[in-house]
Amino acid sequence: MPKACNLSKGQIVQINDHPYQVVHIDVQTPSARGANTLYKVRLAGVTNGQKLEQTYKGNDFLEEMELERRPCSYLYRDDDFFTFMDMTTYEQHTLTAENLEGQIQWLIEGLEGITALLLDGRLIAIELPASLDLAIVETAPAIKGASATNRNKPATLSNGVSVLVPEYLAEGEMVRVNTQSAKFMSRAKG
């Protein structure tokens, strides 16, 4: 049973015997002494798509769903349908764009390292890798000697996502990006 303070985006919890996926978490820290930190959680019903907002204190417990986890890869997109392949059984599963809210931008054809979350043999959600290595396709020219400063510039990555990167990086370089926060982590190796 996870505590509200340990919830993460994409996690599946059980509320009133129905599976819900955590879509967004807003942390509200009160300034008064002794007041509890509140976690405003936006959830989406996995089976029915119903939206739900709940507020929890940090030490409130939620019931986690028992799901089967399998490695899978992303194959292709067909309109609003995204097809994944189970890496152990080679079965193909499809999710809609609504099921993948906030994750679509990271899906690149052939992407591996994805975890499929199955309920009764049916794909209900995915967990993306914590980070991805992507190429910078557009950014301002690199500034020599900029590694001594801690300034950033916007850069567009190969998947179309825009992130802030250090000034010393140039177009064509590979960077590692956090898929949860969409933030630059480091220069990618290789």
Protein backbone atom coordinates (compact mmCIF):
# COMPACT_ATOMS: atom_id res chain seq x y z
CA MET A 1 0.00 0.00 0.00
CA PRO A 2 1.67 3.23 -1.11
CA LYS A 3 1.42 6.40 0.93
CA ALA A 4 0.11 9.50 -0.82
CA CYS A 5 3.54 11.12 -0.47
CA ASN A 6 5.08 8.22 -2.46
CA LEU A 7 2.62 8.27 -5.38
CA SER A 8 4.06 8.74 -8.85
CA LYS A 9 2.53 9.73 -12.16
CA GLY A 10 1.25 6.69 -14.06
CA GLN A 11 0.81 4.51 -10.96
CA ILE A 12 -2.40 2.45 -10.76
CA VAL A 13 -4.39 2.54 -7.51
CA GLN A 14 -7.71 1.03 -6.49
CA ILE A 15 -10.54 3.34 -5.38
CA ASN A 16 -13.97 1.83 -4.63
CA ASP A 17 -12.90 -1.45 -6.30
CA HIS A 18 -12.06 0.31 -9.60
CA PRO A 19 -8.58 0.85 -11.07
CA TYR A 20 -7.47 4.48 -11.47
CA GLN A 21 -4.25 5.79 -12.97
CA VAL A 22 -2.49 8.79 -11.42
CA VAL A 23 -2.44 11.50 -14.09
CA HIS A 24 -1.14 14.52 -12.14
CA ILE A 25 0.02 15.27 -8.60
CA ASP A 26 0.00 18.79 -7.16
CA VAL A 27 1.83 19.17 -3.84
CA GLN A 28 0.58 21.92 -1.54
CA THR A 29 2.83 22.72 1.39
CA PRO A 30 1.13 24.96 3.94
CA SER A 31 3.19 27.65 5.63
CA ALA A 32 1.63 27.12 9.07
CA ARG A 33 3.59 25.03 11.53
CA GLY A 34 2.21 21.59 12.13
CA ALA A 35 -0.01 21.72 9.07
CA ASN A 36 0.05 18.67 6.80
CA THR A 37 1.36 18.71 3.27
CA LEU A 38 -1.55 18.02 0.94
CA TYR A 39 -1.37 16.01 -2.27
CA LYS A 40 -4.04 16.93 -4.80
CA VAL A 41 -4.17 13.94 -7.14
CA ARG A 42 -5.90 13.87 -10.52
CA LEU A 43 -6.88 10.32 -11.50
CA ALA A 44 -8.36 8.73 -14.60
CA GLY A 45 -10.46 5.56 -14.50
CA VAL A 46 -8.61 2.84 -16.39
CA THR A 47 -11.67 0.88 -17.50
CA ASN A 48 -14.23 3.68 -17.87
CA GLY A 49 -12.12 6.84 -18.44
CA GLN A 50 -13.87 8.63 -15.57
CA LYS A 51 -11.91 11.61 -14.17
CA LEU A 52 -11.49 11.92 -10.42
CA GLU A 53 -9.73 14.43 -8.16
CA GLN A 54 -8.79 13.51 -4.62
CA THR A 55 -6.85 15.32 -1.89
CA TYR A 56 -4.71 13.29 0.50
CA LYS A 57 -2.45 14.00 3.45
CA GLY A 58 1.11 12.74 3.03
CA ASN A 59 0.65 9.73 5.33
CA ASP A 60 -2.71 8.59 3.88
CA PHE A 61 -2.55 5.08 2.43
CA LEU A 62 -3.95 4.11 -0.95
CA GLU A 63 -4.64 0.62 -2.19
CA GLU A 64 -2.41 -0.39 -5.09
CA MET A 65 -3.86 -2.62 -7.80
CA GLU A 66 -2.32 -6.04 -8.32
CA LEU A 67 -1.26 -5.89 -11.95
CA GLU A 68 0.82 -8.13 -14.13
CA ARG A 69 3.94 -6.33 -15.37
CA ARG A 70 5.61 -7.35 -18.62
CA PRO A 71 8.30 -5.80 -20.81
CA CYS A 72 6.98 -4.40 -24.07
CA SER A 73 7.98 -2.19 -26.96
CA TYR A 74 6.14 0.51 -28.88
CA LEU A 75 5.37 -0.47 -32.47
CA TYR A 76 3.29 2.20 -34.23
CA ARG A 77 0.48 4.75 -34.12
CA ASP A 78 -2.74 4.51 -36.15
CA ASP A 79 -4.79 7.72 -35.65
CA ASP A 80 -5.59 7.77 -31.90
CA PHE A 81 -4.55 4.14 -31.35
CA PHE A 82 -1.08 3.13 -30.18
CA THR A 83 0.12 -0.45 -30.61
CA PHE A 84 2.57 -2.17 -28.26
CA MET A 85 4.12 -5.64 -28.41
CA ASP A 86 4.60 -7.87 -25.38
CA MET A 87 8.28 -8.90 -25.47
CA THR A 88 7.63 -12.31 -23.87
CA THR A 89 4.53 -13.53 -25.74
CA TYR A 90 4.79 -11.27 -28.85
CA GLU A 91 1.10 -10.40 -28.46
CA GLN A 92 0.07 -6.96 -29.67
CA HIS A 93 -1.99 -4.64 -27.47
CA THR A 94 -3.55 -1.29 -28.30
CA LEU A 95 -4.18 1.77 -26.13
CA THR A 96 -5.99 4.99 -27.04
CA ALA A 97 -4.51 8.47 -26.84
CA GLU A 98 -6.76 9.10 -23.82
CA ASN A 99 -5.14 6.17 -21.96
CA LEU A 100 -1.69 7.59 -22.69
CA GLU A 101 -2.26 11.15 -21.49
CA GLY A 102 1.10 12.84 -20.96
CA GLN A 103 3.10 9.92 -22.38
CA ILE A 104 2.52 10.19 -26.14
CA GLN A 105 5.32 12.70 -26.68
CA TRP A 106 7.88 10.11 -25.53
CA LEU A 107 6.71 7.28 -27.78
CA ILE A 108 9.17 6.69 -30.63
CA GLU A 109 8.62 3.73 -32.97
CA GLY A 110 10.68 0.76 -31.78
CA LEU A 111 11.10 2.15 -28.24
CA GLU A 112 11.92 -0.65 -25.80
CA GLY A 113 12.18 -0.64 -22.01
CA ILE A 114 8.47 0.06 -21.56
CA THR A 115 6.58 -1.87 -18.89
CA ALA A 116 3.08 -3.05 -19.81
CA LEU A 117 0.54 -3.09 -16.98
CA LEU A 118 -1.98 -5.86 -17.58
CA LEU A 119 -5.24 -6.48 -15.73
CA ASP A 120 -6.79 -9.89 -16.49
CA GLY A 121 -4.55 -10.21 -19.57
CA ARG A 122 -5.63 -6.83 -21.00
CA LEU A 123 -3.24 -3.88 -21.37
CA ILE A 124 -4.56 -1.00 -19.29
CA ALA A 125 -1.51 1.28 -19.03
CA ILE A 126 2.22 1.53 -19.62
CA GLU A 127 5.21 2.74 -17.62
CA LEU A 128 7.83 4.56 -19.66
CA PRO A 129 11.55 4.24 -18.97
CA ALA A 130 12.67 6.83 -16.39
CA SER A 131 14.86 8.53 -18.99
CA LEU A 132 15.40 8.58 -22.74
CA ASP A 133 18.38 9.58 -24.89
CA LEU A 134 17.32 11.96 -27.67
CA ALA A 135 19.10 14.15 -30.21
CA ILE A 136 18.91 17.95 -30.19
CA VAL A 137 17.50 19.00 -33.57
CA GLU A 138 17.20 22.74 -33.01
CA THR A 139 18.86 25.14 -30.57
CA ALA A 140 20.90 28.34 -30.48
CA PRO A 141 24.60 27.91 -31.35
CA ALA A 142 26.85 26.53 -28.61
CA ILE A 143 28.80 29.11 -26.62
CA LYS A 144 32.45 28.22 -25.98
CA GLY A 145 33.41 28.32 -22.32
CA ALA A 146 29.75 28.27 -21.27
CA SER A 147 30.31 25.24 -19.07
CA ALA A 148 31.50 27.57 -16.29
CA THR A 149 28.09 29.25 -16.15
CA ASN A 150 24.83 27.70 -15.14
CA ARG A 151 22.65 29.22 -17.87
CA ASN A 152 20.26 27.29 -20.07
CA LYS A 153 18.75 27.72 -23.50
CA PRO A 154 15.70 26.11 -25.13
CA ALA A 155 16.31 23.12 -27.40
CA THR A 156 13.92 21.06 -29.52
CA LEU A 157 14.54 17.32 -29.34
CA SER A 158 14.06 14.67 -32.05
CA ASN A 159 10.61 13.82 -30.65
CA GLY A 160 9.45 17.46 -30.84
CA VAL A 161 9.63 18.14 -27.09
CA SER A 162 11.26 21.41 -26.06
CA VAL A 163 13.54 21.37 -22.98
CA LEU A 164 16.10 23.67 -21.40
CA VAL A 165 19.70 22.53 -21.93
CA PRO A 166 23.06 24.04 -20.91
CA GLU A 167 24.46 26.66 -23.32
CA TYR A 168 27.47 24.52 -24.30
CA LEU A 169 25.33 21.91 -26.10
CA ALA A 170 24.85 22.12 -29.88
CA GLU A 171 22.51 20.67 -32.50
CA GLY A 172 23.08 16.98 -33.19
CA GLU A 173 24.26 16.15 -29.66
CA MET A 174 22.52 13.44 -27.67
CA VAL A 175 21.00 14.32 -24.28
CA ARG A 176 19.32 12.28 -21.55
CA VAL A 177 15.86 13.57 -20.55
CA ASN A 178 13.64 12.59 -17.60
CA THR A 179 10.32 11.31 -18.98
CA GLN A 180 8.35 12.27 -15.85
CA SER A 181 9.47 15.90 -15.55
CA ALA A 182 10.54 16.52 -19.18
CA LYS A 183 13.81 18.01 -17.91
CA PHE A 184 17.38 17.71 -19.11
CA MET A 185 19.43 15.29 -16.98
CA SER A 186 22.82 14.99 -18.69
CA ARG A 187 24.68 14.60 -21.92
CA ALA A 188 24.03 11.09 -23.25
CA LYS A 189 26.95 8.71 -23.53
CA GLY A 190 27.81 7.32 -26.92
